[in-house]
């Protein structure tokens, strides 16, 4: 039985054609065409006749209109995929005109609008700001919980029933095509009645998104402003809906976690091994440290890295790796050029080790997260290895993971595994100052006065990738003419660990070059300059 406060999928809100066109324009041409094809197949979203008189004159029925629309979008999808040589490709404007004027002239219903918003999350992961809330036991406040396998229909009914007592609502639930995560789009509506009018208007609020990763003790959702009552109400309803008969949960939000890229926050709060292994610790998540007892010890990554950094050759690779022309090249290159080349190579290797944990800067993992829903046991794989459908499904999963790996890591040689757009550090420093006319250090009085407190804020598409690039980019020749050593803006040998991405997206306080996590209400450094309270890595307040 449907809740009275739940709006049906076929309800058409009063949105102007300009608003609908603006929403669709943000999608790619392929996504728009695929959505229109899907709408033609779903009963609640199929196109309708403009007027009975017009189509009576043309002798065109609704079924024929749907058939023509399906034929058009099917043919156009083949043109987009390049399967029709010389096929005419519609522009985005032409495709939107056909959708909004010819087929869905009455407007788009709630189901269609929900699918557009969810597709936007897939096409453009940077469209929203995200935060996360930790799932804790309601009785033991410090014990994190992982949600069991969720029933989408049951969750939808429970959440809609809880919200219906306060707001009109519409909830749409779907699965992300790449990540093992459930997407929940929640939209609340207000009923406003105008003066001298018996008809009430339904005004929609901004849609709220909740992501529930599988096998994780976090949920991901939009950022909630302090005055956003509807957002707080949705999270409270979600708490009650996710509670099982044997477990009561409590959601605790981390206000310092604010990330614009959905892929990054999923890797940090999903079921990825790289969530707590970033920077030079990524080698452990990449399973690149421990080797099998049957492997060759000289091929261990640490041995190879040591040989690279010291200009040595691994014993297992000292034969057959040198080209015949190497000796001639070494004779032609001057001694200083050879030294510069070796220093440059060592500089790149050290920077890769500091920022990515591997000297060559490349991961060996084929996936950055675990997908337990799509994984199958080895026994099932053996029993059904002859089934071509299973093989195709596995190929699709591997293809999606490869696409994710390329997006997150192979965009450039400096790209971070988890791109971070903004991070902030409140620095309490003891700066070691020196006398301008001698190399002796200042007196204790001068050093005592040199204790600045300031905030360092970094922002960009991938802040630690930018620092990585600065660590291998030499300064101009004029500025380093007095020294033969290669100088860079960021010194990879001495850069602190909290500037190499080890702490991920966590903002914190730096005291004597040590990172401390925020505590209590001082978790945001915005407008404060520094933290009044902070805790060390053991959880003790200092």
Protein backbone atom coordinates (compact mmCIF):
# COMPACT_ATOMS: atom_id res chain seq x y z
CA UNK A 1 0.00 0.00 0.00
CA UNK A 2 1.35 3.41 -0.99
CA UNK A 3 1.96 6.13 1.59
CA UNK A 4 -0.27 9.17 1.30
CA UNK A 5 2.74 11.48 1.53
CA UNK A 6 4.66 9.73 -1.24
CA UNK A 7 4.31 11.20 -4.72
CA UNK A 8 4.05 8.67 -7.60
CA UNK A 9 6.70 8.26 -10.28
CA UNK A 10 4.41 9.61 -13.01
CA UNK A 11 3.74 12.90 -11.20
CA UNK A 12 4.88 15.81 -13.41
CA UNK A 13 6.14 18.77 -11.34
CA UNK A 14 5.67 22.30 -12.62
CA UNK A 15 9.10 22.95 -14.11
CA UNK A 16 9.72 25.27 -17.04
CA UNK A 17 11.14 23.86 -20.30
CA UNK A 18 14.24 26.01 -19.74
CA UNK A 19 14.89 24.28 -16.40
CA UNK A 20 14.46 20.82 -17.93
CA UNK A 21 16.69 21.72 -20.86
CA UNK A 22 19.37 23.03 -18.51
CA UNK A 23 19.32 19.78 -16.51
CA UNK A 24 19.62 17.62 -19.63
CA UNK A 25 22.34 19.79 -21.18
CA UNK A 26 24.73 18.87 -18.36
CA UNK A 27 24.68 15.23 -19.50
CA UNK A 28 26.68 13.82 -22.39
CA UNK A 29 25.02 13.20 -25.76
CA UNK A 30 25.29 9.44 -25.27
CA UNK A 31 23.67 9.56 -21.81
CA UNK A 32 20.77 11.70 -23.07
CA UNK A 33 20.11 9.28 -25.91
CA UNK A 34 20.31 6.24 -23.60
CA UNK A 35 17.90 7.80 -21.10
CA UNK A 36 15.39 8.65 -23.84
CA UNK A 37 15.59 5.07 -25.11
CA UNK A 38 14.99 3.79 -21.57
CA UNK A 39 12.00 6.10 -21.12
CA UNK A 40 10.41 4.70 -24.27
CA UNK A 41 10.55 1.21 -22.78
CA UNK A 42 9.22 2.01 -19.29
CA UNK A 43 5.44 2.19 -18.95
CA UNK A 44 5.44 5.18 -16.60
CA UNK A 45 7.73 7.28 -18.81
CA UNK A 46 6.58 6.53 -22.36
CA UNK A 47 5.81 9.50 -24.66
CA UNK A 48 2.23 10.66 -25.10
CA UNK A 49 0.24 12.21 -27.95
CA UNK A 50 0.17 15.98 -28.22
CA UNK A 51 -3.55 16.24 -28.97
CA UNK A 52 -6.21 13.86 -30.16
CA UNK A 53 -7.21 16.03 -33.11
CA UNK A 54 -3.68 16.44 -34.49
CA UNK A 55 -2.84 12.75 -34.42
CA UNK A 56 -6.31 11.81 -35.57
CA UNK A 57 -5.60 13.84 -38.70
CA UNK A 58 -2.22 12.13 -39.19
CA UNK A 59 -3.69 8.73 -38.26
CA UNK A 60 -0.89 8.07 -35.76
CA UNK A 61 -1.65 6.11 -32.60
CA UNK A 62 0.27 6.25 -29.30
CA UNK A 63 1.80 2.82 -29.89
CA UNK A 64 3.08 3.98 -33.28
CA UNK A 65 4.55 7.10 -31.67
CA UNK A 66 6.40 4.95 -29.11
CA UNK A 67 7.62 2.62 -31.86
CA UNK A 68 8.92 5.56 -33.92
CA UNK A 69 10.69 7.01 -30.87
CA UNK A 70 12.33 3.65 -30.07
CA UNK A 71 13.47 3.29 -33.68
CA UNK A 72 14.96 6.79 -33.72
CA UNK A 73 16.89 6.50 -30.43
CA UNK A 74 18.12 3.00 -31.32
CA UNK A 75 19.43 4.18 -34.68
CA UNK A 76 20.98 7.28 -33.13
CA UNK A 77 22.79 5.22 -30.49
CA UNK A 78 24.48 3.25 -33.28
CA UNK A 79 25.54 6.50 -34.93
CA UNK A 80 27.01 7.73 -31.62
CA UNK A 81 28.91 4.45 -31.22
CA UNK A 82 30.31 4.79 -34.76
CA UNK A 83 28.64 1.63 -36.01
CA UNK A 84 26.99 3.44 -38.96
CA UNK A 85 29.60 4.90 -41.34
CA UNK A 86 28.44 8.26 -42.65
CA UNK A 87 25.47 8.38 -40.27
CA UNK A 88 24.09 11.81 -39.37
CA UNK A 89 24.77 12.67 -35.74
CA UNK A 90 22.28 14.96 -34.03
CA UNK A 91 23.61 17.83 -32.00
CA UNK A 92 22.65 18.06 -28.35
CA UNK A 93 20.25 20.92 -29.12
CA UNK A 94 18.50 18.92 -31.87
CA UNK A 95 18.19 15.89 -29.60
CA UNK A 96 16.74 17.96 -26.75
CA UNK A 97 14.23 19.58 -29.11
CA UNK A 98 13.03 16.17 -30.20
CA UNK A 99 12.75 14.97 -26.58
CA UNK A 100 11.08 18.01 -24.99
CA UNK A 101 8.96 19.19 -27.93
CA UNK A 102 7.97 16.14 -29.91
CA UNK A 103 7.87 13.23 -27.44
CA UNK A 104 7.58 14.62 -23.87
CA UNK A 105 5.90 17.95 -24.53
CA UNK A 106 3.93 17.83 -21.24
CA UNK A 107 7.14 17.77 -19.21
CA UNK A 108 9.20 15.14 -17.43
CA UNK A 109 7.87 13.23 -14.43
CA UNK A 110 9.62 12.57 -11.13
CA UNK A 111 11.10 9.26 -12.26
CA UNK A 112 12.70 10.87 -15.30
CA UNK A 113 14.08 13.79 -13.30
CA UNK A 114 15.52 11.37 -10.72
CA UNK A 115 17.24 9.36 -13.43
CA UNK A 116 18.71 12.53 -14.93
CA UNK A 117 20.19 13.56 -11.56
CA UNK A 118 21.61 10.09 -10.89
CA UNK A 119 23.12 9.94 -14.37
CA UNK A 120 24.78 13.29 -13.69
CA UNK A 121 26.59 11.70 -10.72
CA UNK A 122 28.05 9.13 -13.11
CA UNK A 123 28.92 11.50 -15.96
CA UNK A 124 30.30 14.28 -13.75
CA UNK A 125 31.50 13.06 -10.32
CA UNK A 126 32.53 16.63 -9.40
CA UNK A 127 28.98 18.02 -9.55
CA UNK A 128 28.31 17.94 -5.78
CA UNK A 129 30.11 18.44 -2.48
CA UNK A 130 30.20 15.30 -0.34
CA UNK A 131 30.72 14.40 3.28
CA UNK A 132 30.44 11.18 5.26
CA UNK A 133 28.88 9.92 8.47
CA UNK A 134 30.16 7.00 10.49
CA UNK A 135 27.76 4.21 11.46
CA UNK A 136 28.07 3.50 15.19
CA UNK A 137 26.27 1.23 17.58
CA UNK A 138 23.58 3.22 19.38
CA UNK A 139 24.38 1.49 22.69
CA UNK A 140 28.17 1.32 22.35
CA UNK A 141 28.89 4.75 20.88
CA UNK A 142 32.47 3.94 19.93
CA UNK A 143 31.84 0.62 18.16
CA UNK A 144 31.50 0.99 14.37
CA UNK A 145 28.95 -1.16 12.56
CA UNK A 146 28.67 -2.45 9.02
CA UNK A 147 25.25 -2.61 7.47
CA UNK A 148 23.99 -6.01 6.34
CA UNK A 149 22.80 -6.66 2.80
CA UNK A 150 20.04 -4.12 2.15
CA UNK A 151 16.71 -4.76 0.51
CA UNK A 152 16.14 -1.74 -1.73
CA UNK A 153 12.35 -1.99 -1.78
CA UNK A 154 12.12 -2.44 1.97
CA UNK A 155 14.45 0.49 2.60
CA UNK A 156 12.49 2.69 0.18
CA UNK A 157 9.15 1.91 1.85
CA UNK A 158 10.50 2.41 5.36
CA UNK A 159 12.19 5.71 4.52
CA UNK A 160 9.18 7.04 2.59
CA UNK A 161 6.80 6.07 5.41
CA UNK A 162 8.95 7.86 7.98
CA UNK A 163 9.22 11.07 5.93
CA UNK A 164 5.55 11.11 4.90
CA UNK A 165 4.47 12.24 8.34
CA UNK A 166 6.22 15.59 7.77
CA UNK A 167 6.74 16.19 4.03
CA UNK A 168 5.50 15.07 0.66
CA UNK A 169 8.39 13.12 -0.77
CA UNK A 170 9.70 11.11 -3.68
CA UNK A 171 12.52 8.58 -3.26
CA UNK A 172 14.47 6.88 -6.03
CA UNK A 173 16.93 4.04 -5.38
CA UNK A 174 19.44 2.62 -7.87
CA UNK A 175 22.88 1.00 -8.04
CA UNK A 176 26.00 2.74 -9.32
CA UNK A 177 27.20 1.03 -12.53
CA UNK A 178 30.88 1.07 -11.48
CA UNK A 179 31.06 1.23 -7.70
CA UNK A 180 29.45 -1.22 -5.24
CA UNK A 181 27.24 1.50 -3.79
CA UNK A 182 23.50 2.15 -3.50
CA UNK A 183 22.36 5.62 -4.62
CA UNK A 184 19.32 7.09 -2.85
CA UNK A 185 17.84 10.31 -4.21
CA UNK A 186 15.40 11.96 -1.79
CA UNK A 187 13.32 14.98 -2.72
CA UNK A 188 10.95 16.74 -0.34
CA UNK A 189 8.02 18.96 -1.36
CA UNK A 190 6.14 21.79 0.32
CA UNK A 191 2.44 22.51 -0.21
CA UNK A 192 1.81 26.21 -0.69
CA UNK A 193 -1.68 27.64 -1.20
CA UNK A 194 -2.07 31.08 -2.74
CA UNK A 195 -4.55 33.65 -1.49
CA UNK A 196 -8.02 33.58 -3.11
CA UNK A 197 -7.21 30.22 -4.68
CA UNK A 198 -8.52 26.80 -3.75
CA UNK A 199 -5.73 25.02 -5.65
CA UNK A 200 -2.55 24.26 -3.71
CA UNK A 201 0.86 24.36 -5.40
CA UNK A 202 3.52 21.74 -4.75
CA UNK A 203 6.99 23.32 -4.52
CA UNK A 204 10.00 21.03 -4.63
CA UNK A 205 13.05 21.37 -2.41
CA UNK A 206 16.58 20.61 -3.51
CA UNK A 207 17.25 16.89 -3.99
CA UNK A 208 19.33 15.17 -1.30
CA UNK A 209 21.64 12.25 -2.17
CA UNK A 210 22.72 9.42 0.11
CA UNK A 211 25.23 6.73 -0.93
CA UNK A 212 25.52 3.47 0.99
CA UNK A 213 28.72 1.57 0.09
CA UNK A 214 28.71 -2.18 0.56
CA UNK A 215 30.79 -3.64 3.42
CA UNK A 216 31.57 -0.23 4.88
CA UNK A 217 30.82 1.47 8.19
CA UNK A 218 30.27 4.84 6.49
CA UNK A 219 27.50 6.41 4.48
CA UNK A 220 28.16 9.23 2.00
CA UNK A 221 25.76 12.13 1.59
CA UNK A 222 25.47 15.79 0.61
CA UNK A 223 26.83 18.40 2.97
CA UNK A 224 24.22 19.61 5.46
CA UNK A 225 24.29 23.29 6.39
CA UNK A 226 23.64 24.20 10.05
CA UNK A 227 20.27 25.75 9.12
CA UNK A 228 19.21 22.91 6.80
CA UNK A 229 16.34 21.32 8.71
CA UNK A 230 15.29 19.01 5.88
CA UNK A 231 18.78 17.51 5.56
CA UNK A 232 18.93 16.76 9.29
CA UNK A 233 15.44 15.27 9.14
CA UNK A 234 16.45 12.98 6.26
CA UNK A 235 19.46 11.65 8.18
CA UNK A 236 17.32 11.02 11.26
CA UNK A 237 14.79 9.11 9.14
CA UNK A 238 17.64 7.17 7.55
CA UNK A 239 18.89 6.17 11.00
CA UNK A 240 15.49 4.74 11.90
CA UNK A 241 15.07 3.04 8.52
CA UNK A 242 18.47 1.33 8.65
CA UNK A 243 17.96 0.00 12.17
CA UNK A 244 17.37 -3.73 12.23
CA UNK A 245 15.57 -5.88 14.79
CA UNK A 246 18.88 -6.76 16.46
CA UNK A 247 20.83 -3.53 15.98
CA UNK A 248 20.27 0.16 16.59
CA UNK A 249 22.58 2.54 14.75
CA UNK A 250 23.68 6.12 15.23
CA UNK A 251 25.17 8.33 12.48
CA UNK A 252 28.03 10.66 13.42
CA UNK A 253 29.06 13.20 10.81
CA UNK A 254 32.66 14.31 10.31
CA UNK A 255 32.40 18.04 9.47
CA UNK A 256 36.03 18.22 8.34
CA UNK A 257 35.35 15.71 5.54
CA UNK A 258 34.33 17.86 2.57
CA UNK A 259 35.25 16.48 -0.85
CA UNK A 260 33.96 17.51 -4.25
CA UNK A 261 34.99 14.36 -6.13
CA UNK A 262 32.68 11.39 -5.52
CA UNK A 263 35.32 8.86 -6.59
CA UNK A 264 37.72 10.20 -3.95
CA UNK A 265 35.26 10.08 -1.06
CA UNK A 266 34.18 6.58 -2.07
CA UNK A 267 37.77 5.31 -1.97
CA UNK A 268 38.26 6.99 1.42
CA UNK A 269 35.00 5.80 3.02
CA UNK A 270 34.10 2.75 0.95
CA UNK A 271 35.65 -0.70 1.05
CA UNK A 272 38.94 0.25 -0.59
CA UNK A 273 42.26 -0.92 0.85
CA UNK A 274 43.72 2.46 -0.10
CA UNK A 275 41.46 4.31 2.37
CA UNK A 276 44.06 4.18 5.18
CA UNK A 277 47.17 3.63 3.05
CA UNK A 278 48.02 6.79 1.16
CA UNK A 279 51.21 8.54 0.21
CA UNK A 280 54.22 6.29 0.70
CA UNK A 281 52.00 3.75 2.53
CA UNK A 282 50.12 2.95 -0.69
CA UNK A 283 52.61 0.16 -1.36
CA UNK A 284 51.00 -1.86 1.46
CA UNK A 285 47.48 -1.50 0.08
CA UNK A 286 48.88 -2.40 -3.33
CA UNK A 287 50.17 -5.69 -1.86
CA UNK A 288 53.63 -4.76 -3.05
CA UNK A 289 55.59 -5.41 0.16
CA UNK A 290 55.17 -9.03 1.17
CA UNK A 291 56.25 -11.65 -1.34
CA UNK A 292 55.61 -15.35 -1.64
CA UNK A 293 58.20 -17.75 -0.15
CA UNK A 294 58.66 -19.10 -3.66
CA UNK A 295 59.52 -15.70 -5.19
CA UNK A 296 63.06 -14.53 -5.90
CA UNK A 297 64.24 -12.25 -3.04
CA UNK A 298 66.31 -10.05 -5.37
CA UNK A 299 63.11 -9.13 -7.21
CA UNK A 300 61.51 -7.72 -4.05
CA UNK A 301 60.31 -4.17 -4.63
CA UNK A 302 62.41 -2.76 -1.77
CA UNK A 303 65.57 -4.31 -3.25
CA UNK A 304 64.75 -2.94 -6.69
CA UNK A 305 64.06 0.53 -5.25
CA UNK A 306 67.33 0.47 -3.30
CA UNK A 307 69.25 -0.45 -6.45
CA UNK A 308 67.56 2.32 -8.42
CA UNK A 309 68.23 4.99 -5.82
CA UNK A 310 71.90 4.01 -5.50
CA UNK A 311 72.56 3.56 -9.20
CA UNK A 312 73.07 -0.19 -8.81
CA UNK A 313 71.81 -3.05 -10.91
CA UNK A 314 69.72 -5.83 -9.41
CA UNK A 315 71.48 -9.21 -9.60
CA UNK A 316 68.53 -10.72 -11.38
CA UNK A 317 68.52 -7.96 -13.99
CA UNK A 318 72.23 -7.38 -14.57
CA UNK A 319 72.31 -9.44 -17.73
CA UNK A 320 70.76 -8.46 -21.00
CA UNK A 321 69.42 -5.09 -19.84
CA UNK A 322 72.21 -2.91 -21.24
CA UNK A 323 71.98 -1.83 -24.84
CA UNK A 324 75.01 -2.09 -27.08
CA UNK A 325 75.01 1.67 -27.65
CA UNK A 326 75.08 2.54 -23.92
CA UNK A 327 78.88 2.75 -23.80
CA UNK A 328 78.98 5.05 -26.80
CA UNK A 329 76.32 7.28 -25.23
CA UNK A 330 78.26 7.48 -21.97
CA UNK A 331 81.40 8.52 -23.86
CA UNK A 332 79.58 11.27 -25.73
CA UNK A 333 77.81 12.69 -22.64
CA UNK A 334 80.02 14.85 -20.45
CA UNK A 335 80.66 13.99 -16.83
CA UNK A 336 78.53 16.89 -15.55
CA UNK A 337 75.60 15.96 -17.81
CA UNK A 338 75.84 12.37 -16.62
CA UNK A 339 75.79 13.49 -12.98
CA UNK A 340 72.78 15.72 -13.66
CA UNK A 341 70.97 12.85 -15.35
CA UNK A 342 71.61 10.51 -12.42
CA UNK A 343 70.55 13.19 -9.91
CA UNK A 344 67.41 13.86 -11.93
CA UNK A 345 66.56 10.13 -12.01
CA UNK A 346 67.14 9.78 -8.27
CA UNK A 347 65.02 12.87 -7.64
CA UNK A 348 62.09 11.38 -9.59
CA UNK A 349 62.41 8.03 -7.80
CA UNK A 350 62.47 9.66 -4.35
CA UNK A 351 59.44 11.82 -5.21
CA UNK A 352 57.53 8.74 -6.42
CA UNK A 353 58.42 6.90 -3.21
CA UNK A 354 57.29 9.81 -1.02
CA UNK A 355 54.01 10.48 -2.84
CA UNK A 356 53.06 7.02 -4.18
CA UNK A 357 55.20 4.49 -2.32
CA UNK A 358 56.72 2.99 -5.49
CA UNK A 359 59.84 4.19 -7.31
CA UNK A 360 58.29 3.88 -10.76
CA UNK A 361 55.02 5.47 -9.60
CA UNK A 362 52.81 2.70 -11.00
CA UNK A 363 50.32 0.45 -9.21
CA UNK A 364 50.12 -3.25 -9.85
CA UNK A 365 46.53 -3.53 -8.52
CA UNK A 366 43.84 -4.08 -11.14
CA UNK A 367 41.15 -2.57 -8.92
CA UNK A 368 41.12 0.04 -6.20
CA UNK A 369 38.18 -1.40 -4.26
CA UNK A 370 36.51 -4.71 -3.47
CA UNK A 371 33.21 -5.59 -5.14
CA UNK A 372 31.75 -8.37 -3.01
CA UNK A 373 28.36 -8.24 -4.71
CA UNK A 374 29.75 -9.13 -8.14
CA UNK A 375 32.45 -11.52 -6.93
CA UNK A 376 31.82 -15.25 -7.15
CA UNK A 377 33.36 -18.10 -5.22
CA UNK A 378 36.09 -20.18 -6.94
CA UNK A 379 33.79 -23.23 -6.80
CA UNK A 380 31.11 -21.44 -8.82
CA UNK A 381 33.71 -20.26 -11.28
CA UNK A 382 34.89 -23.85 -11.84
CA UNK A 383 31.38 -25.20 -12.21
CA UNK A 384 30.29 -22.49 -14.61
CA UNK A 385 33.54 -21.75 -16.41
CA UNK A 386 32.04 -22.96 -19.66
CA UNK A 387 29.21 -20.45 -19.42
CA UNK A 388 30.03 -17.60 -21.79
CA UNK A 389 27.58 -15.27 -20.01
CA UNK A 390 29.56 -15.49 -16.76
CA UNK A 391 32.76 -14.74 -18.67
CA UNK A 392 31.16 -11.71 -20.31
CA UNK A 393 29.97 -10.44 -16.92
CA UNK A 394 33.47 -10.82 -15.49
CA UNK A 395 34.92 -8.99 -18.49
CA UNK A 396 32.47 -6.13 -17.95
CA UNK A 397 33.43 -5.87 -14.25
CA UNK A 398 37.16 -5.89 -15.10
CA UNK A 399 36.58 -3.28 -17.80
CA UNK A 400 34.78 -0.99 -15.33
CA UNK A 401 37.58 -1.39 -12.79
CA UNK A 402 40.19 -0.62 -15.45
CA UNK A 403 38.29 2.53 -16.42
CA UNK A 404 38.20 3.57 -12.76
CA UNK A 405 41.92 2.88 -12.37
CA UNK A 406 42.72 4.98 -15.43
CA UNK A 407 40.50 7.85 -14.24
CA UNK A 408 42.08 7.96 -10.78
CA UNK A 409 45.70 7.16 -11.52
CA UNK A 410 46.73 7.23 -15.17
CA UNK A 411 45.59 10.72 -16.13
CA UNK A 412 49.18 11.89 -15.65
CA UNK A 413 52.31 10.59 -14.02
CA UNK A 414 51.61 12.78 -10.98
CA UNK A 415 47.90 11.94 -10.48
CA UNK A 416 47.08 10.79 -6.95
CA UNK A 417 45.34 7.51 -6.25
CA UNK A 418 42.71 9.47 -4.33
CA UNK A 419 42.49 13.03 -5.73
CA UNK A 420 41.89 15.61 -2.99
CA UNK A 421 40.50 19.02 -3.93
CA UNK A 422 40.94 20.91 -0.66
CA UNK A 423 42.90 20.43 2.54
CA UNK A 424 43.80 22.78 5.38
CA UNK A 425 46.52 22.70 8.04
CA UNK A 426 46.79 24.91 11.13
CA UNK A 427 50.52 25.16 11.78
CA UNK A 428 52.04 25.86 15.20
CA UNK A 429 55.72 26.10 14.36
CA UNK A 430 59.10 26.65 15.93
CA UNK A 431 61.06 28.14 13.05
CA UNK A 432 64.82 27.66 13.28
CA UNK A 433 66.22 31.08 12.41
CA UNK A 434 69.85 31.92 11.66
CA UNK A 435 71.92 35.07 12.07
CA UNK A 436 72.21 36.86 8.72
CA UNK A 437 76.01 37.33 8.98
CA UNK A 438 76.98 33.92 10.35
CA UNK A 439 75.96 30.29 10.29
CA UNK A 440 75.42 30.13 14.04
CA UNK A 441 71.89 29.73 15.28
CA UNK A 442 70.02 32.49 17.05
CA UNK A 443 69.92 32.69 20.79
CA UNK A 444 67.23 30.92 22.75
CA UNK A 445 65.39 34.22 23.23
CA UNK A 446 65.15 34.86 19.48
CA UNK A 447 64.08 31.26 18.84
CA UNK A 448 61.42 31.52 21.54
CA UNK A 449 59.89 34.53 19.78
CA UNK A 450 59.81 32.78 16.38
CA UNK A 451 56.68 30.68 17.00
CA UNK A 452 54.15 31.63 14.35
CA UNK A 453 50.61 30.32 14.10
CA UNK A 454 49.11 30.33 10.64
CA UNK A 455 46.81 28.33 8.39
CA UNK A 456 47.98 26.68 5.17
CA UNK A 457 45.12 26.01 2.76
CA UNK A 458 45.62 24.06 -0.48
CA UNK A 459 42.95 23.81 -3.16
CA UNK A 460 42.80 22.50 -6.71
CA UNK A 461 41.75 19.50 -8.77
CA UNK A 462 44.43 17.30 -7.15
CA UNK A 463 46.51 19.22 -4.60
CA UNK A 464 49.02 16.46 -3.79
CA UNK A 465 49.58 15.77 -7.49
CA UNK A 466 50.54 19.44 -7.82
CA UNK A 467 53.01 19.14 -4.94
CA UNK A 468 54.38 15.95 -6.52
CA UNK A 469 54.96 17.81 -9.78
CA UNK A 470 56.71 20.66 -7.95
CA UNK A 471 58.97 18.08 -6.28
CA UNK A 472 60.40 16.94 -9.63
CA UNK A 473 60.32 20.22 -11.57
CA UNK A 474 63.72 21.96 -11.36
CA UNK A 475 63.92 25.71 -10.90
CA UNK A 476 65.32 27.88 -13.68
CA UNK A 477 69.00 27.59 -14.52
CA UNK A 478 69.66 31.21 -13.53
CA UNK A 479 68.45 30.67 -9.98
CA UNK A 480 70.60 27.57 -9.47
CA UNK A 481 73.78 28.71 -11.23
CA UNK A 482 75.73 28.83 -7.96
CA UNK A 483 75.05 25.17 -7.17
CA UNK A 484 75.45 22.00 -9.18
CA UNK A 485 72.71 20.16 -7.27
CA UNK A 486 69.24 20.08 -8.81
CA UNK A 487 66.89 22.34 -6.85
CA UNK A 488 63.13 22.08 -6.87
CA UNK A 489 60.38 24.20 -5.32
CA UNK A 490 59.35 21.25 -3.10
CA UNK A 491 62.25 19.19 -1.76
CA UNK A 492 61.21 15.51 -2.02
CA UNK A 493 63.91 14.49 0.47
CA UNK A 494 62.70 16.78 3.27
CA UNK A 495 59.02 17.44 2.52
CA UNK A 496 56.90 16.55 5.60
CA UNK A 497 54.71 13.46 5.34
CA UNK A 498 51.47 15.42 5.80
CA UNK A 499 52.24 17.26 2.54
CA UNK A 500 52.66 14.02 0.58
CA UNK A 501 49.05 12.89 1.04
CA UNK A 502 49.56 10.42 3.90
CA UNK A 503 46.63 11.88 5.84
CA UNK A 504 44.34 11.95 2.81
CA UNK A 505 41.63 14.59 3.02
CA UNK A 506 42.02 15.12 6.77
CA UNK A 507 42.64 18.68 7.87
CA UNK A 508 44.50 19.03 11.13
CA UNK A 509 47.01 20.84 13.29
CA UNK A 510 50.77 20.67 12.79
CA UNK A 511 52.78 21.00 16.01
CA UNK A 512 56.55 20.64 15.68
CA UNK A 513 56.07 19.03 12.26
CA UNK A 514 53.70 16.36 13.64
CA UNK A 515 50.13 15.94 12.43
CA UNK A 516 47.31 15.98 14.99
CA UNK A 517 43.67 15.30 14.24
CA UNK A 518 40.98 17.86 15.17
CA UNK A 519 38.92 17.29 18.28
CA UNK A 520 35.32 18.11 19.18
CA UNK A 521 33.82 21.28 17.77
CA UNK A 522 37.21 22.51 16.60
CA UNK A 523 37.25 20.12 13.66
CA UNK A 524 37.15 22.98 11.18
CA UNK A 525 39.94 25.52 11.04
CA UNK A 526 37.91 27.94 8.95
CA UNK A 527 38.03 31.39 10.47
CA UNK A 528 39.99 30.30 13.57
CA UNK A 529 43.59 30.26 12.37
CA UNK A 530 44.47 27.28 14.57
CA UNK A 531 42.87 24.61 16.75
CA UNK A 532 42.30 25.15 20.44
CA UNK A 533 42.04 21.40 21.04
CA UNK A 534 43.62 18.55 19.15
CA UNK A 535 44.41 14.92 19.69
CA UNK A 536 47.38 12.80 18.77
CA UNK A 537 47.23 9.57 16.78
CA UNK A 538 46.52 7.58 19.95
CA UNK A 539 43.37 9.59 20.62
CA UNK A 540 44.77 11.51 23.60
CA UNK A 541 43.97 15.22 23.97
CA UNK A 542 47.11 17.35 24.08
